[in-house]
Amino acid sequence: MLSKIISLRKEFESMREMDLRFVVNTEEIVEYEGIRNNFFDAEMTVRKNDDGTYLLILYSQRDNKNQTLKLKEGFKVSKKLFEKNLKVENNKIIGNGTGKIGAYLITKG
């Protein structure tokens, strides 16, 4: 897993540079619809790339079933970079078990 994270840092400037232009509030792409079993803000990181795509990193140690994150209307997972104990269903990412981690490239449109 560590090698995958290192690869992300090499591939995406937004992951390796601590520049405010890459920092995005999670509410820009995540729909908070009152699902009790949502991922918390503290369990995700969102970075905006210069090409307009987003990187979404999820990480949770909670042992929740069907822990859910829903993307806002118009956003979609265009590429799974890596995932463990997570799966993409339409515009939702659902996690089960302990030790959920994933990285996704998100596009608008």
PDB file of N, CA and C in Angstrom:
ATOM      1  N   MET A   1       0.825  -1.190   0.000  1.00  0.00           N
ATOM      2  CA  MET A   1       0.000   0.000   0.000  1.00  0.00           C
ATOM      3  C   MET A   1       0.871   1.256   0.000  1.00  0.00           C
ATOM      4  N   LEU A   2       1.944   1.217   0.756  1.00  0.00           N
ATOM      5  CA  LEU A   2       2.839   2.373   0.821  1.00  0.00           C
ATOM      6  C   LEU A   2       3.400   2.707  -0.553  1.00  0.00           C
ATOM      7  N   SER A   3       3.734   1.686  -1.334  1.00  0.00           N
ATOM      8  CA  SER A   3       4.273   1.939  -2.677  1.00  0.00           C
ATOM      9  C   SER A   3       3.229   2.604  -3.574  1.00  0.00           C
ATOM     10  N   LYS A   4       1.950   2.274  -3.384  1.00  0.00           N
ATOM     11  CA  LYS A   4       0.889   2.901  -4.174  1.00  0.00           C
ATOM     12  C   LYS A   4       0.743   4.378  -3.810  1.00  0.00           C
ATOM     13  N   ILE A   5       0.861   4.681  -2.530  1.00  0.00           N
ATOM     14  CA  ILE A   5       0.777   6.081  -2.091  1.00  0.00           C
ATOM     15  C   ILE A   5       1.970   6.874  -2.616  1.00  0.00           C
ATOM     16  N   ILE A   6       3.143   6.278  -2.586  1.00  0.00           N
ATOM     17  CA  ILE A   6       4.339   6.935  -3.134  1.00  0.00           C
ATOM     18  C   ILE A   6       4.160   7.190  -4.624  1.00  0.00           C
ATOM     19  N   SER A   7       3.574   6.235  -5.341  1.00  0.00           N
ATOM     20  CA  SER A   7       3.317   6.411  -6.777  1.00  0.00           C
ATOM     21  C   SER A   7       2.370   7.578  -7.033  1.00  0.00           C
ATOM     22  N   LEU A   8       1.341   7.713  -6.183  1.00  0.00           N
ATOM     23  CA  LEU A   8       0.415   8.847  -6.322  1.00  0.00           C
ATOM     24  C   LEU A   8       1.147  10.171  -6.165  1.00  0.00           C
ATOM     25  N   ARG A   9       2.020  10.234  -5.189  1.00  0.00           N
ATOM     26  CA  ARG A   9       2.784  11.466  -4.951  1.00  0.00           C
ATOM     27  C   ARG A   9       3.672  11.794  -6.143  1.00  0.00           C
ATOM     28  N   LYS A  10       4.213  10.782  -6.798  1.00  0.00           N
ATOM     29  CA  LYS A  10       5.049  11.009  -7.984  1.00  0.00           C
ATOM     30  C   LYS A  10       4.210  11.458  -9.173  1.00  0.00           C
ATOM     31  N   GLU A  11       3.043  10.843  -9.343  1.00  0.00           N
ATOM     32  CA  GLU A  11       2.208  11.112 -10.507  1.00  0.00           C
ATOM     33  C   GLU A  11       1.448  12.435 -10.430  1.00  0.00           C
ATOM     34  N   PHE A  12       0.990  12.811  -9.236  1.00  0.00           N
ATOM     35  CA  PHE A  12       0.126  13.979  -9.091  1.00  0.00           C
ATOM     36  C   PHE A  12       0.798  15.057  -8.248  1.00  0.00           C
ATOM     37  N   GLU A  13       1.043  16.198  -8.880  1.00  0.00           N
ATOM     38  CA  GLU A  13       1.651  17.328  -8.174  1.00  0.00           C
ATOM     39  C   GLU A  13       0.809  17.743  -6.969  1.00  0.00           C
ATOM     40  N   SER A  14      -0.507  17.630  -7.098  1.00  0.00           N
ATOM     41  CA  SER A  14      -1.399  18.037  -6.007  1.00  0.00           C
ATOM     42  C   SER A  14      -1.217  17.196  -4.744  1.00  0.00           C
ATOM     43  N   MET A  15      -0.625  16.018  -4.878  1.00  0.00           N
ATOM     44  CA  MET A  15      -0.378  15.159  -3.713  1.00  0.00           C
ATOM     45  C   MET A  15       0.982  15.418  -3.075  1.00  0.00           C
ATOM     46  N   ARG A  16       1.908  15.950  -3.829  1.00  0.00           N
ATOM     47  CA  ARG A  16       3.253  16.132  -3.268  1.00  0.00           C
ATOM     48  C   ARG A  16       3.553  17.570  -2.866  1.00  0.00           C
ATOM     49  N   GLU A  17       2.819  18.536  -3.401  1.00  0.00           N
ATOM     50  CA  GLU A  17       3.052  19.946  -3.087  1.00  0.00           C
ATOM     51  C   GLU A  17       2.029  20.439  -2.063  1.00  0.00           C
ATOM     52  N   MET A  18       2.483  21.160  -1.089  1.00  0.00           N
ATOM     53  CA  MET A  18       1.594  21.743  -0.077  1.00  0.00           C
ATOM     54  C   MET A  18       1.245  23.174  -0.492  1.00  0.00           C
ATOM     55  N   ASP A  19       0.536  23.284  -1.592  1.00  0.00           N
ATOM     56  CA  ASP A  19       0.153  24.570  -2.160  1.00  0.00           C
ATOM     57  C   ASP A  19      -1.360  24.735  -2.002  1.00  0.00           C
ATOM     58  N   LEU A  20      -1.793  25.884  -1.533  1.00  0.00           N
ATOM     59  CA  LEU A  20      -3.220  26.119  -1.295  1.00  0.00           C
ATOM     60  C   LEU A  20      -4.073  25.977  -2.550  1.00  0.00           C
ATOM     61  N   ARG A  21      -3.481  26.138  -3.723  1.00  0.00           N
ATOM     62  CA  ARG A  21      -4.297  26.038  -4.941  1.00  0.00           C
ATOM     63  C   ARG A  21      -4.832  24.619  -5.157  1.00  0.00           C
ATOM     64  N   PHE A  22      -4.239  23.630  -4.515  1.00  0.00           N
ATOM     65  CA  PHE A  22      -4.689  22.243  -4.648  1.00  0.00           C
ATOM     66  C   PHE A  22      -5.705  21.841  -3.584  1.00  0.00           C
ATOM     67  N   VAL A  23      -5.809  22.618  -2.521  1.00  0.00           N
ATOM     68  CA  VAL A  23      -6.662  22.252  -1.389  1.00  0.00           C
ATOM     69  C   VAL A  23      -8.120  22.564  -1.714  1.00  0.00           C
ATOM     70  N   VAL A  24      -8.987  21.577  -1.480  1.00  0.00           N
ATOM     71  CA  VAL A  24     -10.408  21.722  -1.778  1.00  0.00           C
ATOM     72  C   VAL A  24     -11.211  21.237  -0.576  1.00  0.00           C
ATOM     73  N   ASN A  25     -12.265  21.955  -0.256  1.00  0.00           N
ATOM     74  CA  ASN A  25     -13.193  21.510   0.772  1.00  0.00           C
ATOM     75  C   ASN A  25     -13.931  20.283   0.243  1.00  0.00           C
ATOM     76  N   THR A  26     -14.102  19.269   1.072  1.00  0.00           N
ATOM     77  CA  THR A  26     -14.771  18.040   0.635  1.00  0.00           C
ATOM     78  C   THR A  26     -16.179  18.306   0.107  1.00  0.00           C
ATOM     79  N   GLU A  27     -16.829  19.345   0.618  1.00  0.00           N
ATOM     80  CA  GLU A  27     -18.198  19.655   0.195  1.00  0.00           C
ATOM     81  C   GLU A  27     -18.290  20.059  -1.275  1.00  0.00           C
ATOM     82  N   GLU A  28     -17.156  20.344  -1.913  1.00  0.00           N
ATOM     83  CA  GLU A  28     -17.172  20.686  -3.339  1.00  0.00           C
ATOM     84  C   GLU A  28     -17.578  19.488  -4.194  1.00  0.00           C
ATOM     85  N   ILE A  29     -17.237  18.277  -3.758  1.00  0.00           N
ATOM     86  CA  ILE A  29     -17.555  17.092  -4.565  1.00  0.00           C
ATOM     87  C   ILE A  29     -18.391  16.044  -3.824  1.00  0.00           C
ATOM     88  N   VAL A  30     -18.504  16.146  -2.497  1.00  0.00           N
ATOM     89  CA  VAL A  30     -19.199  15.131  -1.702  1.00  0.00           C
ATOM     90  C   VAL A  30     -20.583  15.627  -1.300  1.00  0.00           C
ATOM     91  N   GLU A  31     -21.581  14.765  -1.475  1.00  0.00           N
ATOM     92  CA  GLU A  31     -22.961  15.064  -1.089  1.00  0.00           C
ATOM     93  C   GLU A  31     -23.202  14.524   0.314  1.00  0.00           C
ATOM     94  N   TYR A  32     -23.515  15.415   1.238  1.00  0.00           N
ATOM     95  CA  TYR A  32     -23.839  14.998   2.600  1.00  0.00           C
ATOM     96  C   TYR A  32     -25.353  14.928   2.705  1.00  0.00           C
ATOM     97  N   GLU A  33     -25.901  13.732   2.551  1.00  0.00           N
ATOM     98  CA  GLU A  33     -27.354  13.583   2.462  1.00  0.00           C
ATOM     99  C   GLU A  33     -27.980  13.015   3.726  1.00  0.00           C
ATOM    100  N   GLY A  34     -27.300  13.141   4.833  1.00  0.00           N
ATOM    101  CA  GLY A  34     -27.882  12.674   6.081  1.00  0.00           C
ATOM    102  C   GLY A  34     -27.754  11.179   6.312  1.00  0.00           C
ATOM    103  N   ILE A  35     -26.912  10.518   5.555  1.00  0.00           N
ATOM    104  CA  ILE A  35     -26.673   9.095   5.802  1.00  0.00           C
ATOM    105  C   ILE A  35     -25.895   8.983   7.104  1.00  0.00           C
ATOM    106  N   ARG A  36     -26.425   8.258   8.037  1.00  0.00           N
ATOM    107  CA  ARG A  36     -25.790   8.136   9.352  1.00  0.00           C
ATOM    108  C   ARG A  36     -24.433   7.451   9.243  1.00  0.00           C
ATOM    109  N   ASN A  37     -24.255   6.629   8.252  1.00  0.00           N
ATOM    110  CA  ASN A  37     -23.048   5.823   8.124  1.00  0.00           C
ATOM    111  C   ASN A  37     -22.030   6.443   7.159  1.00  0.00           C
ATOM    112  N   ASN A  38     -22.079   7.741   6.986  1.00  0.00           N
ATOM    113  CA  ASN A  38     -21.144   8.424   6.088  1.00  0.00           C
ATOM    114  C   ASN A  38     -19.707   8.333   6.578  1.00  0.00           C
ATOM    115  N   PHE A  39     -18.792   8.536   5.644  1.00  0.00           N
ATOM    116  CA  PHE A  39     -17.405   8.800   6.016  1.00  0.00           C
ATOM    117  C   PHE A  39     -17.365  10.196   6.636  1.00  0.00           C
ATOM    118  N   PHE A  40     -16.538  10.387   7.630  1.00  0.00           N
ATOM    119  CA  PHE A  40     -16.347  11.704   8.230  1.00  0.00           C
ATOM    120  C   PHE A  40     -15.374  12.514   7.382  1.00  0.00           C
ATOM    121  N   ASP A  41     -15.435  13.844   7.492  1.00  0.00           N
ATOM    122  CA  ASP A  41     -14.463  14.704   6.801  1.00  0.00           C
ATOM    123  C   ASP A  41     -13.032  14.309   7.140  1.00  0.00           C
ATOM    124  N   ALA A  42     -12.801  13.931   8.384  1.00  0.00           N
ATOM    125  CA  ALA A  42     -11.451  13.567   8.833  1.00  0.00           C
ATOM    126  C   ALA A  42     -10.953  12.271   8.198  1.00  0.00           C
ATOM    127  N   GLU A  43     -11.831  11.558   7.497  1.00  0.00           N
ATOM    128  CA  GLU A  43     -11.460  10.298   6.855  1.00  0.00           C
ATOM    129  C   GLU A  43     -11.263  10.447   5.350  1.00  0.00           C
ATOM    130  N   MET A  44     -11.189  11.683   4.883  1.00  0.00           N
ATOM    131  CA  MET A  44     -10.990  11.885   3.443  1.00  0.00           C
ATOM    132  C   MET A  44     -10.159  13.130   3.180  1.00  0.00           C
ATOM    133  N   THR A  45      -9.493  13.087   2.051  1.00  0.00           N
ATOM    134  CA  THR A  45      -8.709  14.217   1.566  1.00  0.00           C
ATOM    135  C   THR A  45      -9.082  14.427   0.107  1.00  0.00           C
ATOM    136  N   VAL A  46      -9.311  15.675  -0.275  1.00  0.00           N
ATOM    137  CA  VAL A  46      -9.619  16.004  -1.669  1.00  0.00           C
ATOM    138  C   VAL A  46      -8.604  17.024  -2.149  1.00  0.00           C
ATOM    139  N   ARG A  47      -8.047  16.779  -3.321  1.00  0.00           N
ATOM    140  CA  ARG A  47      -7.120  17.711  -3.962  1.00  0.00           C
ATOM    141  C   ARG A  47      -7.607  17.963  -5.388  1.00  0.00           C
ATOM    142  N   LYS A  48      -7.515  19.215  -5.828  1.00  0.00           N
ATOM    143  CA  LYS A  48      -7.900  19.560  -7.197  1.00  0.00           C
ATOM    144  C   LYS A  48      -6.638  19.676  -8.031  1.00  0.00           C
ATOM    145  N   ASN A  49      -6.620  18.955  -9.139  1.00  0.00           N
ATOM    146  CA  ASN A  49      -5.480  18.983 -10.050  1.00  0.00           C
ATOM    147  C   ASN A  49      -5.605  20.155 -11.015  1.00  0.00           C
ATOM    148  N   ASP A  50      -4.490  20.542 -11.603  1.00  0.00           N
ATOM    149  CA  ASP A  50      -4.488  21.668 -12.543  1.00  0.00           C
ATOM    150  C   ASP A  50      -5.372  21.422 -13.762  1.00  0.00           C
ATOM    151  N   ASP A  51      -5.622  20.146 -14.108  1.00  0.00           N
ATOM    152  CA  ASP A  51      -6.455  19.840 -15.276  1.00  0.00           C
ATOM    153  C   ASP A  51      -7.952  19.811 -14.953  1.00  0.00           C
ATOM    154  N   GLY A  52      -8.326  20.171 -13.711  1.00  0.00           N
ATOM    155  CA  GLY A  52      -9.730  20.215 -13.325  1.00  0.00           C
ATOM    156  C   GLY A  52     -10.256  18.926 -12.712  1.00  0.00           C
ATOM    157  N   THR A  53      -9.455  17.866 -12.717  1.00  0.00           N
ATOM    158  CA  THR A  53      -9.853  16.629 -12.050  1.00  0.00           C
ATOM    159  C   THR A  53      -9.559  16.742 -10.560  1.00  0.00           C
ATOM    160  N   TYR A  54     -10.071  15.804  -9.807  1.00  0.00           N
ATOM    161  CA  TYR A  54      -9.879  15.783  -8.358  1.00  0.00           C
ATOM    162  C   TYR A  54      -9.296  14.439  -7.944  1.00  0.00           C
ATOM    163  N   LEU A  55      -8.507  14.447  -6.894  1.00  0.00           N
ATOM    164  CA  LEU A  55      -8.074  13.216  -6.240  1.00  0.00           C
ATOM    165  C   LEU A  55      -8.844  13.103  -4.937  1.00  0.00           C
ATOM    166  N   LEU A  56      -9.463  11.965  -4.724  1.00  0.00           N
ATOM    167  CA  LEU A  56     -10.180  11.692  -3.485  1.00  0.00           C
ATOM    168  C   LEU A  56      -9.480  10.529  -2.799  1.00  0.00           C
ATOM    169  N   ILE A  57      -9.016  10.765  -1.587  1.00  0.00           N
ATOM    170  CA  ILE A  57      -8.367   9.734  -0.782  1.00  0.00           C
ATOM    171  C   ILE A  57      -9.267   9.456   0.420  1.00  0.00           C
ATOM    172  N   LEU A  58      -9.643   8.191   0.602  1.00  0.00           N
ATOM    173  CA  LEU A  58     -10.470   7.775   1.739  1.00  0.00           C
ATOM    174  C   LEU A  58      -9.671   6.849   2.634  1.00  0.00           C
ATOM    175  N   TYR A  59      -9.864   6.996   3.939  1.00  0.00           N
ATOM    176  CA  TYR A  59      -9.178   6.123   4.895  1.00  0.00           C
ATOM    177  C   TYR A  59     -10.019   6.075   6.163  1.00  0.00           C
ATOM    178  N   SER A  60     -10.330   4.876   6.619  1.00  0.00           N
ATOM    179  CA  SER A  60     -11.140   4.718   7.826  1.00  0.00           C
ATOM    180  C   SER A  60     -10.786   3.408   8.510  1.00  0.00           C
ATOM    181  N   GLN A  61     -10.634   3.471   9.815  1.00  0.00           N
ATOM    182  CA  GLN A  61     -10.391   2.275  10.616  1.00  0.00           C
ATOM    183  C   GLN A  61     -11.667   1.778  11.297  1.00  0.00           C
ATOM    184  N   ARG A  62     -12.753   2.542  11.161  1.00  0.00           N
ATOM    185  CA  ARG A  62     -14.008   2.122  11.803  1.00  0.00           C
ATOM    186  C   ARG A  62     -14.515   0.830  11.166  1.00  0.00           C
ATOM    187  N   ASP A  63     -15.063  -0.046  11.984  1.00  0.00           N
ATOM    188  CA  ASP A  63     -15.583  -1.325  11.504  1.00  0.00           C
ATOM    189  C   ASP A  63     -17.072  -1.188  11.197  1.00  0.00           C
ATOM    190  N   ASN A  64     -17.375  -0.361  10.215  1.00  0.00           N
ATOM    191  CA  ASN A  64     -18.764  -0.115   9.826  1.00  0.00           C
ATOM    192  C   ASN A  64     -19.109  -0.921   8.585  1.00  0.00           C
ATOM    193  N   LYS A  65     -20.337  -1.389   8.537  1.00  0.00           N
ATOM    194  CA  LYS A  65     -20.831  -2.027   7.323  1.00  0.00           C
ATOM    195  C   LYS A  65     -21.494  -0.948   6.475  1.00  0.00           C
ATOM    196  N   ASN A  66     -21.244  -1.010   5.199  1.00  0.00           N
ATOM    197  CA  ASN A  66     -21.836  -0.078   4.237  1.00  0.00           C
ATOM    198  C   ASN A  66     -21.561   1.385   4.564  1.00  0.00           C
ATOM    199  N   GLN A  67     -20.355   1.676   5.012  1.00  0.00           N
ATOM    200  CA  GLN A  67     -19.937   3.067   5.216  1.00  0.00           C
ATOM    201  C   GLN A  67     -19.942   3.727   3.840  1.00  0.00           C
ATOM    202  N   THR A  68     -20.655   4.838   3.696  1.00  0.00           N
ATOM    203  CA  THR A  68     -20.974   5.364   2.371  1.00  0.00           C
ATOM    204  C   THR A  68     -20.510   6.797   2.170  1.00  0.00           C
ATOM    205  N   LEU A  69     -20.035   7.048   0.968  1.00  0.00           N
ATOM    206  CA  LEU A  69     -19.727   8.400   0.516  1.00  0.00           C
ATOM    207  C   LEU A  69     -20.426   8.568  -0.834  1.00  0.00           C
ATOM    208  N   LYS A  70     -21.179   9.638  -0.983  1.00  0.00           N
ATOM    209  CA  LYS A  70     -21.882   9.899  -2.239  1.00  0.00           C
ATOM    210  C   LYS A  70     -21.298  11.148  -2.880  1.00  0.00           C
ATOM    211  N   LEU A  71     -20.971  11.048  -4.163  1.00  0.00           N
ATOM    212  CA  LEU A  71     -20.480  12.209  -4.908  1.00  0.00           C
ATOM    213  C   LEU A  71     -21.655  13.085  -5.316  1.00  0.00           C
ATOM    214  N   LYS A  72     -21.411  14.376  -5.394  1.00  0.00           N
ATOM    215  CA  LYS A  72     -22.444  15.312  -5.839  1.00  0.00           C
ATOM    216  C   LYS A  72     -22.823  15.020  -7.289  1.00  0.00           C
ATOM    217  N   GLU A  73     -24.007  15.458  -7.637  1.00  0.00           N
ATOM    218  CA  GLU A  73     -24.509  15.337  -9.003  1.00  0.00           C
ATOM    219  C   GLU A  73     -23.491  15.920  -9.978  1.00  0.00           C
ATOM    220  N   GLY A  74     -23.203  15.202 -11.039  1.00  0.00           N
ATOM    221  CA  GLY A  74     -22.273  15.675 -12.057  1.00  0.00           C
ATOM    222  C   GLY A  74     -20.836  15.228 -11.854  1.00  0.00           C
ATOM    223  N   PHE A  75     -20.531  14.619 -10.717  1.00  0.00           N
ATOM    224  CA  PHE A  75     -19.181  14.106 -10.459  1.00  0.00           C
ATOM    225  C   PHE A  75     -19.200  12.588 -10.554  1.00  0.00           C
ATOM    226  N   LYS A  76     -18.098  12.015 -11.010  1.00  0.00           N
ATOM    227  CA  LYS A  76     -18.023  10.555 -11.105  1.00  0.00           C
ATOM    228  C   LYS A  76     -16.591  10.086 -10.889  1.00  0.00           C
ATOM    229  N   VAL A  77     -16.478   8.839 -10.461  1.00  0.00           N
ATOM    230  CA  VAL A  77     -15.170   8.201 -10.346  1.00  0.00           C
ATOM    231  C   VAL A  77     -14.764   7.800 -11.756  1.00  0.00           C
ATOM    232  N   SER A  78     -13.710   8.411 -12.274  1.00  0.00           N
ATOM    233  CA  SER A  78     -13.260   8.066 -13.621  1.00  0.00           C
ATOM    234  C   SER A  78     -12.157   7.015 -13.603  1.00  0.00           C
ATOM    235  N   LYS A  79     -11.491   6.879 -12.433  1.00  0.00           N
ATOM    236  CA  LYS A  79     -10.429   5.876 -12.343  1.00  0.00           C
ATOM    237  C   LYS A  79     -10.212   5.495 -10.883  1.00  0.00           C
ATOM    238  N   LYS A  80     -10.176   4.180 -10.635  1.00  0.00           N
ATOM    239  CA  LYS A  80      -9.796   3.677  -9.313  1.00  0.00           C
ATOM    240  C   LYS A  80      -8.284   3.552  -9.306  1.00  0.00           C
ATOM    241  N   LEU A  81      -7.623   4.301  -8.463  1.00  0.00           N
ATOM    242  CA  LEU A  81      -6.167   4.250  -8.387  1.00  0.00           C
ATOM    243  C   LEU A  81      -5.728   3.106  -7.484  1.00  0.00           C
ATOM    244  N   PHE A  82      -6.412   2.903  -6.381  1.00  0.00           N
ATOM    245  CA  PHE A  82      -6.295   1.704  -5.550  1.00  0.00           C
ATOM    246  C   PHE A  82      -7.423   1.709  -4.533  1.00  0.00           C
ATOM    247  N   GLU A  83      -7.753   0.528  -4.022  1.00  0.00           N
ATOM    248  CA  GLU A  83      -8.779   0.448  -2.990  1.00  0.00           C
ATOM    249  C   GLU A  83      -8.652  -0.862  -2.220  1.00  0.00           C
ATOM    250  N   LYS A  84      -9.005  -0.776  -0.950  1.00  0.00           N
ATOM    251  CA  LYS A  84      -9.053  -1.948  -0.079  1.00  0.00           C
ATOM    252  C   LYS A  84     -10.295  -1.814   0.794  1.00  0.00           C
ATOM    253  N   ASN A  85     -11.152  -2.813   0.760  1.00  0.00           N
ATOM    254  CA  ASN A  85     -12.410  -2.838   1.516  1.00  0.00           C
ATOM    255  C   ASN A  85     -13.362  -1.717   1.100  1.00  0.00           C
ATOM    256  N   LEU A  86     -13.241  -1.271  -0.139  1.00  0.00           N
ATOM    257  CA  LEU A  86     -14.122  -0.256  -0.719  1.00  0.00           C
ATOM    258  C   LEU A  86     -14.566  -0.728  -2.096  1.00  0.00           C
ATOM    259  N   LYS A  87     -15.724  -0.252  -2.550  1.00  0.00           N
ATOM    260  CA  LYS A  87     -16.160  -0.523  -3.918  1.00  0.00           C
ATOM    261  C   LYS A  87     -16.980   0.660  -4.416  1.00  0.00           C
ATOM    262  N   VAL A  88     -16.934   0.871  -5.721  1.00  0.00           N
ATOM    263  CA  VAL A  88     -17.670   1.966  -6.355  1.00  0.00           C
ATOM    264  C   VAL A  88     -18.967   1.404  -6.921  1.00  0.00           C
ATOM    265  N   GLU A  89     -20.073   2.050  -6.584  1.00  0.00           N
ATOM    266  CA  GLU A  89     -21.387   1.716  -7.138  1.00  0.00           C
ATOM    267  C   GLU A  89     -22.030   3.013  -7.610  1.00  0.00           C
ATOM    268  N   ASN A  90     -22.077   3.189  -8.916  1.00  0.00           N
ATOM    269  CA  ASN A  90     -22.592   4.421  -9.520  1.00  0.00           C
ATOM    270  C   ASN A  90     -21.803   5.610  -8.988  1.00  0.00           C
ATOM    271  N   ASN A  91     -22.460   6.555  -8.310  1.00  0.00           N
ATOM    272  CA  ASN A  91     -21.724   7.713  -7.792  1.00  0.00           C
ATOM    273  C   ASN A  91     -21.488   7.602  -6.282  1.00  0.00           C
ATOM    274  N   LYS A  92     -21.499   6.372  -5.773  1.00  0.00           N
ATOM    275  CA  LYS A  92     -21.233   6.132  -4.350  1.00  0.00           C
ATOM    276  C   LYS A  92     -20.000   5.255  -4.189  1.00  0.00           C
ATOM    277  N   ILE A  93     -19.300   5.469  -3.089  1.00  0.00           N
ATOM    278  CA  ILE A  93     -18.203   4.594  -2.688  1.00  0.00           C
ATOM    279  C   ILE A  93     -18.630   3.991  -1.356  1.00  0.00           C
ATOM    280  N   ILE A  94     -18.637   2.661  -1.299  1.00  0.00           N
ATOM    281  CA  ILE A  94     -19.142   1.949  -0.133  1.00  0.00           C
ATOM    282  C   ILE A  94     -18.030   1.104   0.460  1.00  0.00           C
ATOM    283  N   GLY A  95     -17.868   1.218   1.775  1.00  0.00           N
ATOM    284  CA  GLY A  95     -16.825   0.471   2.467  1.00  0.00           C
ATOM    285  C   GLY A  95     -17.388  -0.508   3.468  1.00  0.00           C
ATOM    286  N   ASN A  96     -16.708  -1.640   3.607  1.00  0.00           N
ATOM    287  CA  ASN A  96     -17.071  -2.658   4.588  1.00  0.00           C
ATOM    288  C   ASN A  96     -15.821  -3.180   5.257  1.00  0.00           C
ATOM    289  N   GLY A  97     -15.926  -3.488   6.542  1.00  0.00           N
ATOM    290  CA  GLY A  97     -14.800  -4.048   7.269  1.00  0.00           C
ATOM    291  C   GLY A  97     -13.920  -2.967   7.871  1.00  0.00           C
ATOM    292  N   THR A  98     -12.854  -3.417   8.496  1.00  0.00           N
ATOM    293  CA  THR A  98     -11.892  -2.523   9.133  1.00  0.00           C
ATOM    294  C   THR A  98     -10.736  -2.273   8.181  1.00  0.00           C
ATOM    295  N   GLY A  99     -10.182  -1.080   8.216  1.00  0.00           N
ATOM    296  CA  GLY A  99      -9.023  -0.775   7.375  1.00  0.00           C
ATOM    297  C   GLY A  99      -9.398  -0.463   5.940  1.00  0.00           C
ATOM    298  N   LYS A 100     -10.313   0.473   5.762  1.00  0.00           N
ATOM    299  CA  LYS A 100     -10.716   0.892   4.417  1.00  0.00           C
ATOM    300  C   LYS A 100      -9.777   1.996   3.943  1.00  0.00           C
ATOM    301  N   ILE A 101      -9.274   1.837   2.723  1.00  0.00           N
ATOM    302  CA  ILE A 101      -8.430   2.880   2.132  1.00  0.00           C
ATOM    303  C   ILE A 101      -8.593   2.822   0.617  1.00  0.00           C
ATOM    304  N   GLY A 102      -8.633   3.996   0.001  1.00  0.00           N
ATOM    305  CA  GLY A 102      -8.767   4.041  -1.447  1.00  0.00           C
ATOM    306  C   GLY A 102      -8.392   5.401  -1.988  1.00  0.00           C
ATOM    307  N   ALA A 103      -8.035   5.401  -3.255  1.00  0.00           N
ATOM    308  CA  ALA A 103      -7.711   6.643  -3.962  1.00  0.00           C
ATOM    309  C   ALA A 103      -8.415   6.599  -5.309  1.00  0.00           C
ATOM    310  N   TYR A 104      -9.062   7.705  -5.657  1.00  0.00           N
ATOM    311  CA  TYR A 104      -9.875   7.764  -6.864  1.00  0.00           C
ATOM    312  C   TYR A 104      -9.634   9.071  -7.602  1.00  0.00           C
ATOM    313  N   LEU A 105      -9.647   8.992  -8.918  1.00  0.00           N
ATOM    314  CA  LEU A 105      -9.619  10.180  -9.760  1.00  0.00           C
ATOM    315  C   LEU A 105     -11.074  10.519 -10.067  1.00  0.00           C
ATOM    316  N   ILE A 106     -11.477  11.731  -9.745  1.00  0.00           N
ATOM    317  CA  ILE A 106     -12.861  12.183  -9.896  1.00  0.00           C
ATOM    318  C   ILE A 106     -12.912  13.236 -10.998  1.00  0.00           C
ATOM    319  N   THR A 107     -13.902  13.099 -11.880  1.00  0.00           N
ATOM    320  CA  THR A 107     -14.093  14.094 -12.937  1.00  0.00           C
ATOM    321  C   THR A 107     -15.497  14.684 -12.830  1.00  0.00           C
ATOM    322  N   LYS A 108     -15.631  15.878 -13.369  1.00  0.00           N
ATOM    323  CA  LYS A 108     -16.923  16.556 -13.394  1.00  0.00           C
ATOM    324  C   LYS A 108     -17.458  16.491 -14.813  1.00  0.00           C
ATOM    325  N   GLY A 109     -18.748  16.209 -14.904  1.00  0.00           N
ATOM    326  CA  GLY A 109     -19.361  16.187 -16.227  1.00  0.00           C
ATOM    327  C   GLY A 109     -19.802  14.833 -16.673  1.00  0.00           C
TER     328      GLY A 109
END
